[in-house]
């Protein structure tokens, strides 16, 4: 029997960034602030959407879903990376690595589905406003939400199960700051051609098809907006779509570049930076994009803040 077949992997080593200790401390400080902003910002969005009645619409329902997923997304990856930067202990257990991979795939797939559903919501709102309430019903939105959860979990279970059965005989150093599937496949001593083929097909079918649907939706939206006679109506339609467009560009830009570009010996550090962009930067920016550019969210935030201040003042005066 080959020794590699009976070699049991108990842990891996992660390789976040090749830099000096001083730079690692600076990176730790920066990403600690980023993590805090992302979690608090997205929690505020979730709290506002759940508690303010005027935000109980399909658009904000999907925004609440996006914020919830982003909290899990960034919490799956950044705490371990911050721990490595702080303690210089780069090890991660095998089960910890598989758990990280599991939630990474779920959250990545979920973001793709949610952004696609949000584009469809905006398409119906702008292009078929009279039928909006008939199409985007509460039951339909919940069905879409349940469908992306089931599909994302099923896909994640498949990839995690396949990855967990691979052999890692020659090296256990993952050249990344988290357990991402491509570095694990490159590290494995097993035959990974079938997994790579499945991953390539999925990269084409899911993100590219999703982006194509979003682009077609916005092509129709832009065409409809230019047909509007009222400049006020045009501005309102553009305003309702602008936040989603920014989020799509931030998420899909680095993602597609990483997965579609050819392999390069000198691209690993660049891949880490780009991965950090859609894993950490986008979840941090989303609450700001949807709050600072959205009068309804800002209005709900002000009312909630004034109500909290009022209740605190009442309790204090007692």
C-alpha atoms as a PDB file:
ATOM      1  CA  UNK A   1       0.000   0.000   0.000  1.00  0.00           C
ATOM      2  CA  UNK A   2       1.262   3.491  -0.816  1.00  0.00           C
ATOM      3  CA  UNK A   3       2.257   5.420   2.313  1.00  0.00           C
ATOM      4  CA  UNK A   4       0.456   8.407   0.861  1.00  0.00           C
ATOM      5  CA  UNK A   5      -2.873   6.551   0.999  1.00  0.00           C
ATOM      6  CA  UNK A   6      -2.617   6.035   4.751  1.00  0.00           C
ATOM      7  CA  UNK A   7      -1.164   9.462   5.507  1.00  0.00           C
ATOM      8  CA  UNK A   8      -3.724  11.255   7.676  1.00  0.00           C
ATOM      9  CA  UNK A   9      -3.708  15.042   7.523  1.00  0.00           C
ATOM     10  CA  UNK A  10      -4.453  16.715  10.868  1.00  0.00           C
ATOM     11  CA  UNK A  11      -3.536  20.311  10.080  1.00  0.00           C
ATOM     12  CA  UNK A  12      -2.418  22.766   7.416  1.00  0.00           C
ATOM     13  CA  UNK A  13      -0.302  25.907   7.506  1.00  0.00           C
ATOM     14  CA  UNK A  14      -1.590  29.135   6.003  1.00  0.00           C
ATOM     15  CA  UNK A  15       0.604  31.754   4.367  1.00  0.00           C
ATOM     16  CA  UNK A  16      -1.202  35.122   4.602  1.00  0.00           C
ATOM     17  CA  UNK A  17       1.300  37.717   3.372  1.00  0.00           C
ATOM     18  CA  UNK A  18       5.037  37.730   2.660  1.00  0.00           C
ATOM     19  CA  UNK A  19       6.059  40.864   4.516  1.00  0.00           C
ATOM     20  CA  UNK A  20       7.875  42.193   7.603  1.00  0.00           C
ATOM     21  CA  UNK A  21       6.593  41.920  11.174  1.00  0.00           C
ATOM     22  CA  UNK A  22       5.925  45.665  11.322  1.00  0.00           C
ATOM     23  CA  UNK A  23       3.822  45.483   8.158  1.00  0.00           C
ATOM     24  CA  UNK A  24       1.930  42.502   9.589  1.00  0.00           C
ATOM     25  CA  UNK A  25       1.009  44.595  12.637  1.00  0.00           C
ATOM     26  CA  UNK A  26      -0.192  47.400  10.371  1.00  0.00           C
ATOM     27  CA  UNK A  27      -2.210  44.899   8.296  1.00  0.00           C
ATOM     28  CA  UNK A  28      -3.668  43.454  11.509  1.00  0.00           C
ATOM     29  CA  UNK A  29      -4.758  46.912  12.690  1.00  0.00           C
ATOM     30  CA  UNK A  30      -6.281  47.813   9.324  1.00  0.00           C
ATOM     31  CA  UNK A  31      -8.209  44.611   8.886  1.00  0.00           C
ATOM     32  CA  UNK A  32      -9.388  44.620  12.519  1.00  0.00           C
ATOM     33  CA  UNK A  33     -11.063  47.958  11.825  1.00  0.00           C
ATOM     34  CA  UNK A  34     -12.382  46.608   8.523  1.00  0.00           C
ATOM     35  CA  UNK A  35     -13.845  43.535  10.219  1.00  0.00           C
ATOM     36  CA  UNK A  36     -15.498  45.635  12.924  1.00  0.00           C
ATOM     37  CA  UNK A  37     -17.003  48.033  10.367  1.00  0.00           C
ATOM     38  CA  UNK A  38     -18.272  45.156   8.215  1.00  0.00           C
ATOM     39  CA  UNK A  39     -19.948  43.283  11.071  1.00  0.00           C
ATOM     40  CA  UNK A  40     -21.452  46.355  12.771  1.00  0.00           C
ATOM     41  CA  UNK A  41     -22.529  47.945   9.472  1.00  0.00           C
ATOM     42  CA  UNK A  42     -24.245  44.824   8.175  1.00  0.00           C
ATOM     43  CA  UNK A  43     -25.871  44.150  11.551  1.00  0.00           C
ATOM     44  CA  UNK A  44     -27.322  47.664  11.476  1.00  0.00           C
ATOM     45  CA  UNK A  45     -28.734  47.022   7.985  1.00  0.00           C
ATOM     46  CA  UNK A  46     -30.304  43.730   9.151  1.00  0.00           C
ATOM     47  CA  UNK A  47     -31.749  45.397  12.281  1.00  0.00           C
ATOM     48  CA  UNK A  48     -33.194  48.308  10.297  1.00  0.00           C
ATOM     49  CA  UNK A  49     -34.790  46.115   7.623  1.00  0.00           C
ATOM     50  CA  UNK A  50     -36.313  43.812  10.243  1.00  0.00           C
ATOM     51  CA  UNK A  51     -37.605  46.554  12.548  1.00  0.00           C
ATOM     52  CA  UNK A  52     -38.735  49.387  10.226  1.00  0.00           C
ATOM     53  CA  UNK A  53     -42.051  48.661   8.415  1.00  0.00           C
ATOM     54  CA  UNK A  54     -41.364  50.876   5.386  1.00  0.00           C
ATOM     55  CA  UNK A  55     -38.318  48.726   4.596  1.00  0.00           C
ATOM     56  CA  UNK A  56     -40.414  45.558   4.386  1.00  0.00           C
ATOM     57  CA  UNK A  57     -40.182  45.422   0.599  1.00  0.00           C
ATOM     58  CA  UNK A  58     -38.555  42.867  -1.757  1.00  0.00           C
ATOM     59  CA  UNK A  59     -35.533  45.094  -2.422  1.00  0.00           C
ATOM     60  CA  UNK A  60     -34.716  45.427   1.278  1.00  0.00           C
ATOM     61  CA  UNK A  61     -35.592  41.796   1.939  1.00  0.00           C
ATOM     62  CA  UNK A  62     -32.773  40.774  -0.415  1.00  0.00           C
ATOM     63  CA  UNK A  63     -30.518  43.480   1.039  1.00  0.00           C
ATOM     64  CA  UNK A  64     -31.115  41.957   4.475  1.00  0.00           C
ATOM     65  CA  UNK A  65     -30.180  38.553   3.035  1.00  0.00           C
ATOM     66  CA  UNK A  66     -27.017  40.018   1.501  1.00  0.00           C
ATOM     67  CA  UNK A  67     -25.972  41.648   4.776  1.00  0.00           C
ATOM     68  CA  UNK A  68     -26.614  38.435   6.736  1.00  0.00           C
ATOM     69  CA  UNK A  69     -24.497  36.411   4.310  1.00  0.00           C
ATOM     70  CA  UNK A  70     -21.728  39.036   4.374  1.00  0.00           C
ATOM     71  CA  UNK A  71     -21.514  38.812   8.173  1.00  0.00           C
ATOM     72  CA  UNK A  72     -20.986  35.044   7.935  1.00  0.00           C
ATOM     73  CA  UNK A  73     -18.662  35.482   4.939  1.00  0.00           C
ATOM     74  CA  UNK A  74     -16.203  37.836   6.617  1.00  0.00           C
ATOM     75  CA  UNK A  75     -16.483  36.087  10.007  1.00  0.00           C
ATOM     76  CA  UNK A  76     -15.513  32.788   8.406  1.00  0.00           C
ATOM     77  CA  UNK A  77     -12.180  34.099   7.154  1.00  0.00           C
ATOM     78  CA  UNK A  78     -10.921  37.287   8.816  1.00  0.00           C
ATOM     79  CA  UNK A  79     -10.789  36.180  12.506  1.00  0.00           C
ATOM     80  CA  UNK A  80      -8.409  33.320  11.660  1.00  0.00           C
ATOM     81  CA  UNK A  81      -6.256  35.582   9.500  1.00  0.00           C
ATOM     82  CA  UNK A  82      -6.126  38.194  12.266  1.00  0.00           C
ATOM     83  CA  UNK A  83      -5.174  35.478  14.749  1.00  0.00           C
ATOM     84  CA  UNK A  84      -2.288  34.394  12.496  1.00  0.00           C
ATOM     85  CA  UNK A  85      -1.044  37.980  12.130  1.00  0.00           C
ATOM     86  CA  UNK A  86      -1.234  38.542  15.892  1.00  0.00           C
ATOM     87  CA  UNK A  87       0.215  35.249  17.198  1.00  0.00           C
ATOM     88  CA  UNK A  88       2.286  34.169  14.162  1.00  0.00           C
ATOM     89  CA  UNK A  89       0.750  30.690  14.599  1.00  0.00           C
ATOM     90  CA  UNK A  90      -0.111  29.830  11.007  1.00  0.00           C
ATOM     91  CA  UNK A  91      -1.569  26.365  11.609  1.00  0.00           C
ATOM     92  CA  UNK A  92      -5.202  25.489  11.016  1.00  0.00           C
ATOM     93  CA  UNK A  93      -6.695  22.091  11.814  1.00  0.00           C
ATOM     94  CA  UNK A  94      -7.962  19.888   8.998  1.00  0.00           C
ATOM     95  CA  UNK A  95     -11.553  20.164  10.248  1.00  0.00           C
ATOM     96  CA  UNK A  96     -11.155  23.903  10.743  1.00  0.00           C
ATOM     97  CA  UNK A  97      -9.932  24.192   7.163  1.00  0.00           C
ATOM     98  CA  UNK A  98     -12.850  22.164   5.796  1.00  0.00           C
ATOM     99  CA  UNK A  99     -15.298  24.224   7.883  1.00  0.00           C
ATOM    100  CA  UNK A 100     -13.820  27.426   6.478  1.00  0.00           C
ATOM    101  CA  UNK A 101     -14.087  26.058   2.938  1.00  0.00           C
ATOM    102  CA  UNK A 102     -17.672  24.940   3.561  1.00  0.00           C
ATOM    103  CA  UNK A 103     -18.905  28.373   4.660  1.00  0.00           C
ATOM    104  CA  UNK A 104     -16.790  30.173   2.058  1.00  0.00           C
ATOM    105  CA  UNK A 105     -18.488  28.276  -0.788  1.00  0.00           C
ATOM    106  CA  UNK A 106     -21.949  28.765   0.742  1.00  0.00           C
ATOM    107  CA  UNK A 107     -21.471  32.510   1.165  1.00  0.00           C
ATOM    108  CA  UNK A 108     -19.827  32.992  -2.231  1.00  0.00           C
ATOM    109  CA  UNK A 109     -22.643  31.169  -4.032  1.00  0.00           C
ATOM    110  CA  UNK A 110     -25.283  32.937  -1.937  1.00  0.00           C
ATOM    111  CA  UNK A 111     -23.894  36.371  -2.829  1.00  0.00           C
ATOM    112  CA  UNK A 112     -24.096  35.492  -6.520  1.00  0.00           C
ATOM    113  CA  UNK A 113     -27.717  34.345  -6.257  1.00  0.00           C
ATOM    114  CA  UNK A 114     -28.776  37.329  -4.141  1.00  0.00           C
ATOM    115  CA  UNK A 115     -27.187  39.875  -6.477  1.00  0.00           C
ATOM    116  CA  UNK A 116     -28.985  38.201  -9.383  1.00  0.00           C
ATOM    117  CA  UNK A 117     -32.343  38.292  -7.561  1.00  0.00           C
ATOM    118  CA  UNK A 118     -31.779  41.956  -6.691  1.00  0.00           C
ATOM    119  CA  UNK A 119     -31.168  42.726 -10.377  1.00  0.00           C
ATOM    120  CA  UNK A 120     -34.411  40.957 -11.289  1.00  0.00           C
ATOM    121  CA  UNK A 121     -36.231  42.929  -8.588  1.00  0.00           C
ATOM    122  CA  UNK A 122     -34.959  46.205 -10.052  1.00  0.00           C
ATOM    123  CA  UNK A 123     -35.871  45.028 -13.573  1.00  0.00           C
ATOM    124  CA  UNK A 124     -39.479  44.356 -12.552  1.00  0.00           C
ATOM    125  CA  UNK A 125     -39.692  47.616 -10.571  1.00  0.00           C
ATOM    126  CA  UNK A 126     -38.495  49.787 -13.479  1.00  0.00           C
ATOM    127  CA  UNK A 127     -39.768  47.881 -16.539  1.00  0.00           C
ATOM    128  CA  UNK A 128     -43.079  46.541 -15.164  1.00  0.00           C
ATOM    129  CA  UNK A 129     -44.026  48.847 -12.288  1.00  0.00           C
ATOM    130  CA  UNK A 130     -47.765  48.101 -12.590  1.00  0.00           C
ATOM    131  CA  UNK A 131     -47.160  44.378 -12.128  1.00  0.00           C
ATOM    132  CA  UNK A 132     -44.470  44.728  -9.457  1.00  0.00           C
ATOM    133  CA  UNK A 133     -46.655  43.875  -6.465  1.00  0.00           C
ATOM    134  CA  UNK A 134     -48.187  40.942  -8.348  1.00  0.00           C
ATOM    135  CA  UNK A 135     -44.802  39.450  -9.297  1.00  0.00           C
ATOM    136  CA  UNK A 136     -42.587  40.260  -6.313  1.00  0.00           C
ATOM    137  CA  UNK A 137     -44.879  38.829  -3.672  1.00  0.00           C
ATOM    138  CA  UNK A 138     -43.691  37.883  -0.191  1.00  0.00           C
ATOM    139  CA  UNK A 139     -44.162  34.202  -0.992  1.00  0.00           C
ATOM    140  CA  UNK A 140     -42.128  34.488  -4.212  1.00  0.00           C
ATOM    141  CA  UNK A 141     -39.269  36.277  -2.420  1.00  0.00           C
ATOM    142  CA  UNK A 142     -39.190  33.631   0.304  1.00  0.00           C
ATOM    143  CA  UNK A 143     -39.150  30.912  -2.341  1.00  0.00           C
ATOM    144  CA  UNK A 144     -36.161  32.552  -4.030  1.00  0.00           C
ATOM    145  CA  UNK A 145     -34.394  32.852  -0.676  1.00  0.00           C
ATOM    146  CA  UNK A 146     -35.022  29.200   0.163  1.00  0.00           C
ATOM    147  CA  UNK A 147     -33.830  28.125  -3.286  1.00  0.00           C
ATOM    148  CA  UNK A 148     -30.462  29.894  -3.016  1.00  0.00           C
ATOM    149  CA  UNK A 149     -29.904  28.480   0.469  1.00  0.00           C
ATOM    150  CA  UNK A 150     -30.594  24.906  -0.679  1.00  0.00           C
ATOM    151  CA  UNK A 151     -28.472  25.213  -3.845  1.00  0.00           C
ATOM    152  CA  UNK A 152     -25.571  26.905  -2.037  1.00  0.00           C
ATOM    153  CA  UNK A 153     -25.510  24.349   0.782  1.00  0.00           C
ATOM    154  CA  UNK A 154     -25.742  21.420  -1.652  1.00  0.00           C
ATOM    155  CA  UNK A 155     -22.896  22.798  -3.768  1.00  0.00           C
ATOM    156  CA  UNK A 156     -20.768  23.468  -0.694  1.00  0.00           C
ATOM    157  CA  UNK A 157     -21.350  19.965   0.694  1.00  0.00           C
ATOM    158  CA  UNK A 158     -20.252  18.484  -2.638  1.00  0.00           C
ATOM    159  CA  UNK A 159     -17.003  20.470  -2.869  1.00  0.00           C
ATOM    160  CA  UNK A 160     -16.164  20.091   0.822  1.00  0.00           C
ATOM    161  CA  UNK A 161     -16.728  16.333   0.673  1.00  0.00           C
ATOM    162  CA  UNK A 162     -14.590  15.978  -2.458  1.00  0.00           C
ATOM    163  CA  UNK A 163     -11.802  18.140  -1.016  1.00  0.00           C
ATOM    164  CA  UNK A 164     -11.772  16.310   2.320  1.00  0.00           C
ATOM    165  CA  UNK A 165     -11.012  13.000   0.559  1.00  0.00           C
ATOM    166  CA  UNK A 166      -7.908  14.345  -1.215  1.00  0.00           C
ATOM    167  CA  UNK A 167      -4.398  13.310  -0.176  1.00  0.00           C
ATOM    168  CA  UNK A 168      -1.798  15.886   0.853  1.00  0.00           C
ATOM    169  CA  UNK A 169       1.540  14.067   0.942  1.00  0.00           C
ATOM    170  CA  UNK A 170       4.150  16.499  -0.304  1.00  0.00           C
ATOM    171  CA  UNK A 171       3.214  19.745   1.405  1.00  0.00           C
ATOM    172  CA  UNK A 172       0.631  21.136   3.798  1.00  0.00           C
ATOM    173  CA  UNK A 173       1.465  24.798   3.297  1.00  0.00           C
ATOM    174  CA  UNK A 174      -1.530  26.567   1.747  1.00  0.00           C
ATOM    175  CA  UNK A 175      -0.277  29.603  -0.148  1.00  0.00           C
ATOM    176  CA  UNK A 176      -3.272  31.703   0.847  1.00  0.00           C
ATOM    177  CA  UNK A 177      -4.717  33.420   3.913  1.00  0.00           C
ATOM    178  CA  UNK A 178      -7.668  30.990   4.120  1.00  0.00           C
ATOM    179  CA  UNK A 179      -8.698  27.525   2.932  1.00  0.00           C
ATOM    180  CA  UNK A 180      -9.811  28.323  -0.593  1.00  0.00           C
ATOM    181  CA  UNK A 181     -10.478  25.469  -2.989  1.00  0.00           C
ATOM    182  CA  UNK A 182      -7.967  26.306  -5.759  1.00  0.00           C
ATOM    183  CA  UNK A 183      -4.865  26.444  -3.478  1.00  0.00           C
ATOM    184  CA  UNK A 184      -6.000  23.163  -1.892  1.00  0.00           C
ATOM    185  CA  UNK A 185      -6.300  21.497  -5.304  1.00  0.00           C
ATOM    186  CA  UNK A 186      -2.823  22.738  -6.273  1.00  0.00           C
ATOM    187  CA  UNK A 187      -1.466  21.390  -2.979  1.00  0.00           C
ATOM    188  CA  UNK A 188      -3.019  17.937  -3.266  1.00  0.00           C
ATOM    189  CA  UNK A 189      -1.077  14.888  -4.416  1.00  0.00           C
ATOM    190  CA  UNK A 190      -4.288  13.239  -5.648  1.00  0.00           C
ATOM    191  CA  UNK A 191      -5.656  13.315  -9.160  1.00  0.00           C
ATOM    192  CA  UNK A 192      -7.742  16.497  -9.131  1.00  0.00           C
ATOM    193  CA  UNK A 193      -8.552  16.763 -12.845  1.00  0.00           C
ATOM    194  CA  UNK A 194     -12.214  15.860 -12.334  1.00  0.00           C
ATOM    195  CA  UNK A 195     -12.602  18.443  -9.578  1.00  0.00           C
ATOM    196  CA  UNK A 196     -10.883  21.092 -11.671  1.00  0.00           C
ATOM    197  CA  UNK A 197     -13.211  20.325 -14.566  1.00  0.00           C
ATOM    198  CA  UNK A 198     -16.279  20.573 -12.312  1.00  0.00           C
ATOM    199  CA  UNK A 199     -14.952  23.819 -10.847  1.00  0.00           C
ATOM    200  CA  UNK A 200     -14.319  25.268 -14.305  1.00  0.00           C
ATOM    201  CA  UNK A 201     -17.812  24.345 -15.502  1.00  0.00           C
ATOM    202  CA  UNK A 202     -19.344  25.828 -12.374  1.00  0.00           C
ATOM    203  CA  UNK A 203     -17.288  29.004 -12.720  1.00  0.00           C
ATOM    204  CA  UNK A 204     -18.779  29.427 -16.179  1.00  0.00           C
ATOM    205  CA  UNK A 205     -22.322  28.379 -15.341  1.00  0.00           C
ATOM    206  CA  UNK A 206     -22.873  30.198 -12.042  1.00  0.00           C
ATOM    207  CA  UNK A 207     -20.965  33.526 -11.941  1.00  0.00           C
ATOM    208  CA  UNK A 208     -20.875  34.141 -15.699  1.00  0.00           C
ATOM    209  CA  UNK A 209     -24.536  33.208 -16.219  1.00  0.00           C
ATOM    210  CA  UNK A 210     -25.488  35.313 -13.205  1.00  0.00           C
ATOM    211  CA  UNK A 211     -23.533  38.285 -14.537  1.00  0.00           C
ATOM    212  CA  UNK A 212     -25.116  37.814 -17.964  1.00  0.00           C
ATOM    213  CA  UNK A 213     -28.605  37.925 -16.410  1.00  0.00           C
ATOM    214  CA  UNK A 214     -27.661  41.069 -14.482  1.00  0.00           C
ATOM    215  CA  UNK A 215     -26.279  42.751 -17.612  1.00  0.00           C
ATOM    216  CA  UNK A 216     -29.389  41.875 -19.651  1.00  0.00           C
ATOM    217  CA  UNK A 217     -31.612  43.160 -16.830  1.00  0.00           C
ATOM    218  CA  UNK A 218     -29.771  46.470 -16.693  1.00  0.00           C
ATOM    219  CA  UNK A 219     -29.730  46.791 -20.465  1.00  0.00           C
ATOM    220  CA  UNK A 220     -33.533  46.600 -20.372  1.00  0.00           C
ATOM    221  CA  UNK A 221     -33.650  48.944 -17.369  1.00  0.00           C
ATOM    222  CA  UNK A 222     -31.474  51.571 -19.085  1.00  0.00           C
ATOM    223  CA  UNK A 223     -33.549  51.294 -22.264  1.00  0.00           C
ATOM    224  CA  UNK A 224     -36.743  51.808 -20.244  1.00  0.00           C
ATOM    225  CA  UNK A 225     -35.276  54.745 -18.318  1.00  0.00           C
ATOM    226  CA  UNK A 226     -34.274  56.571 -21.506  1.00  0.00           C
ATOM    227  CA  UNK A 227     -37.824  56.141 -22.799  1.00  0.00           C
ATOM    228  CA  UNK A 228     -39.218  57.961 -19.765  1.00  0.00           C
ATOM    229  CA  UNK A 229     -40.396  61.482 -20.465  1.00  0.00           C
ATOM    230  CA  UNK A 230     -39.941  62.740 -16.924  1.00  0.00           C
ATOM    231  CA  UNK A 231     -36.393  63.620 -15.886  1.00  0.00           C
ATOM    232  CA  UNK A 232     -37.485  63.194 -12.268  1.00  0.00           C
ATOM    233  CA  UNK A 233     -38.628  59.668 -13.035  1.00  0.00           C
ATOM    234  CA  UNK A 234     -35.332  58.930 -14.737  1.00  0.00           C
ATOM    235  CA  UNK A 235     -33.330  60.153 -11.731  1.00  0.00           C
ATOM    236  CA  UNK A 236     -35.486  58.137  -9.339  1.00  0.00           C
ATOM    237  CA  UNK A 237     -35.027  54.966 -11.408  1.00  0.00           C
ATOM    238  CA  UNK A 238     -31.258  55.477 -11.679  1.00  0.00           C
ATOM    239  CA  UNK A 239     -31.055  56.170  -7.944  1.00  0.00           C
ATOM    240  CA  UNK A 240     -32.891  52.951  -7.066  1.00  0.00           C
ATOM    241  CA  UNK A 241     -30.421  50.918  -9.163  1.00  0.00           C
ATOM    242  CA  UNK A 242     -27.114  52.702  -8.501  1.00  0.00           C
ATOM    243  CA  UNK A 243     -26.318  51.012  -5.170  1.00  0.00           C
ATOM    244  CA  UNK A 244     -26.829  47.558  -6.638  1.00  0.00           C
ATOM    245  CA  UNK A 245     -24.700  48.392  -9.689  1.00  0.00           C
ATOM    246  CA  UNK A 246     -21.810  49.500  -7.439  1.00  0.00           C
ATOM    247  CA  UNK A 247     -22.056  46.286  -5.390  1.00  0.00           C
ATOM    248  CA  UNK A 248     -22.082  44.136  -8.527  1.00  0.00           C
ATOM    249  CA  UNK A 249     -18.972  45.870  -9.884  1.00  0.00           C
ATOM    250  CA  UNK A 250     -17.132  45.519  -6.562  1.00  0.00           C
ATOM    251  CA  UNK A 251     -17.995  41.836  -6.212  1.00  0.00           C
ATOM    252  CA  UNK A 252     -17.699  40.534  -9.770  1.00  0.00           C
ATOM    253  CA  UNK A 253     -14.648  42.507 -10.890  1.00  0.00           C
ATOM    254  CA  UNK A 254     -11.987  40.832  -8.697  1.00  0.00           C
ATOM    255  CA  UNK A 255     -13.833  37.486  -8.642  1.00  0.00           C
ATOM    256  CA  UNK A 256     -13.956  37.037 -12.408  1.00  0.00           C
ATOM    257  CA  UNK A 257     -10.386  38.281 -12.829  1.00  0.00           C
ATOM    258  CA  UNK A 258      -9.039  35.731 -10.318  1.00  0.00           C
ATOM    259  CA  UNK A 259     -10.903  32.731 -11.693  1.00  0.00           C
ATOM    260  CA  UNK A 260     -10.575  33.503 -15.381  1.00  0.00           C
ATOM    261  CA  UNK A 261      -6.987  34.735 -15.690  1.00  0.00           C
ATOM    262  CA  UNK A 262      -4.213  32.278 -16.676  1.00  0.00           C
ATOM    263  CA  UNK A 263      -1.948  30.891 -13.976  1.00  0.00           C
ATOM    264  CA  UNK A 264       1.254  32.838 -13.335  1.00  0.00           C
ATOM    265  CA  UNK A 265       4.213  32.159 -11.090  1.00  0.00           C
ATOM    266  CA  UNK A 266       4.114  35.699  -9.802  1.00  0.00           C
ATOM    267  CA  UNK A 267       0.344  35.989  -9.319  1.00  0.00           C
ATOM    268  CA  UNK A 268      -0.048  34.426  -5.849  1.00  0.00           C
ATOM    269  CA  UNK A 269       0.382  37.628  -3.831  1.00  0.00           C
ATOM    270  CA  UNK A 270      -1.840  39.441  -6.310  1.00  0.00           C
ATOM    271  CA  UNK A 271      -4.486  36.732  -5.902  1.00  0.00           C
ATOM    272  CA  UNK A 272      -4.405  37.188  -2.128  1.00  0.00           C
ATOM    273  CA  UNK A 273      -4.966  40.928  -2.440  1.00  0.00           C
ATOM    274  CA  UNK A 274      -7.821  40.489  -4.921  1.00  0.00           C
ATOM    275  CA  UNK A 275      -9.373  37.754  -2.766  1.00  0.00           C
ATOM    276  CA  UNK A 276      -9.199  40.067   0.229  1.00  0.00           C
ATOM    277  CA  UNK A 277     -11.065  42.638  -1.824  1.00  0.00           C
ATOM    278  CA  UNK A 278     -14.204  40.542  -2.381  1.00  0.00           C
ATOM    279  CA  UNK A 279     -13.958  38.615   0.895  1.00  0.00           C
ATOM    280  CA  UNK A 280     -13.449  41.608   3.215  1.00  0.00           C
ATOM    281  CA  UNK A 281     -13.615  44.968   1.432  1.00  0.00           C
ATOM    282  CA  UNK A 282     -16.950  44.385  -0.319  1.00  0.00           C
ATOM    283  CA  UNK A 283     -18.786  43.198   2.847  1.00  0.00           C
ATOM    284  CA  UNK A 284     -17.432  46.295   4.623  1.00  0.00           C
ATOM    285  CA  UNK A 285     -18.484  48.693   1.839  1.00  0.00           C
ATOM    286  CA  UNK A 286     -21.967  47.275   1.174  1.00  0.00           C
ATOM    287  CA  UNK A 287     -23.647  48.903   4.215  1.00  0.00           C
ATOM    288  CA  UNK A 288     -22.152  52.282   3.278  1.00  0.00           C
ATOM    289  CA  UNK A 289     -23.153  51.903  -0.377  1.00  0.00           C
ATOM    290  CA  UNK A 290     -26.752  51.073   0.526  1.00  0.00           C
ATOM    291  CA  UNK A 291     -27.103  53.597   3.354  1.00  0.00           C
ATOM    292  CA  UNK A 292     -25.276  56.686   2.138  1.00  0.00           C
ATOM    293  CA  UNK A 293     -26.902  56.495  -1.312  1.00  0.00           C
ATOM    294  CA  UNK A 294     -30.383  55.532  -0.118  1.00  0.00           C
ATOM    295  CA  UNK A 295     -32.793  58.072   1.381  1.00  0.00           C
ATOM    296  CA  UNK A 296     -35.135  55.385   2.740  1.00  0.00           C
ATOM    297  CA  UNK A 297     -32.359  53.635   4.681  1.00  0.00           C
ATOM    298  CA  UNK A 298     -30.978  56.952   5.944  1.00  0.00           C
ATOM    299  CA  UNK A 299     -34.454  58.063   6.974  1.00  0.00           C
ATOM    300  CA  UNK A 300     -35.116  54.777   8.781  1.00  0.00           C
ATOM    301  CA  UNK A 301     -31.734  55.040  10.531  1.00  0.00           C
ATOM    302  CA  UNK A 302     -32.475  58.583  11.726  1.00  0.00           C
ATOM    303  CA  UNK A 303     -35.922  57.633  13.039  1.00  0.00           C
ATOM    304  CA  UNK A 304     -34.524  54.586  14.816  1.00  0.00           C
ATOM    305  CA  UNK A 305     -31.694  56.623  16.325  1.00  0.00           C
ATOM    306  CA  UNK A 306     -34.094  59.332  17.553  1.00  0.00           C
ATOM    307  CA  UNK A 307     -36.411  56.682  18.996  1.00  0.00           C
ATOM    308  CA  UNK A 308     -33.529  54.995  20.849  1.00  0.00           C
ATOM    309  CA  UNK A 309     -32.337  58.366  22.198  1.00  0.00           C
ATOM    310  CA  UNK A 310     -35.896  59.155  23.325  1.00  0.00           C
ATOM    311  CA  UNK A 311     -36.267  55.815  25.115  1.00  0.00           C
ATOM    312  CA  UNK A 312     -32.870  56.217  26.799  1.00  0.00           C
ATOM    313  CA  UNK A 313     -33.835  59.732  27.940  1.00  0.00           C
ATOM    314  CA  UNK A 314     -37.156  58.457  29.334  1.00  0.00           C
ATOM    315  CA  UNK A 315     -35.457  55.642  31.231  1.00  0.00           C
ATOM    316  CA  UNK A 316     -32.735  57.993  32.510  1.00  0.00           C
ATOM    317  CA  UNK A 317     -35.279  60.579  33.725  1.00  0.00           C
ATOM    318  CA  UNK A 318     -37.150  57.916  35.667  1.00  0.00           C
END
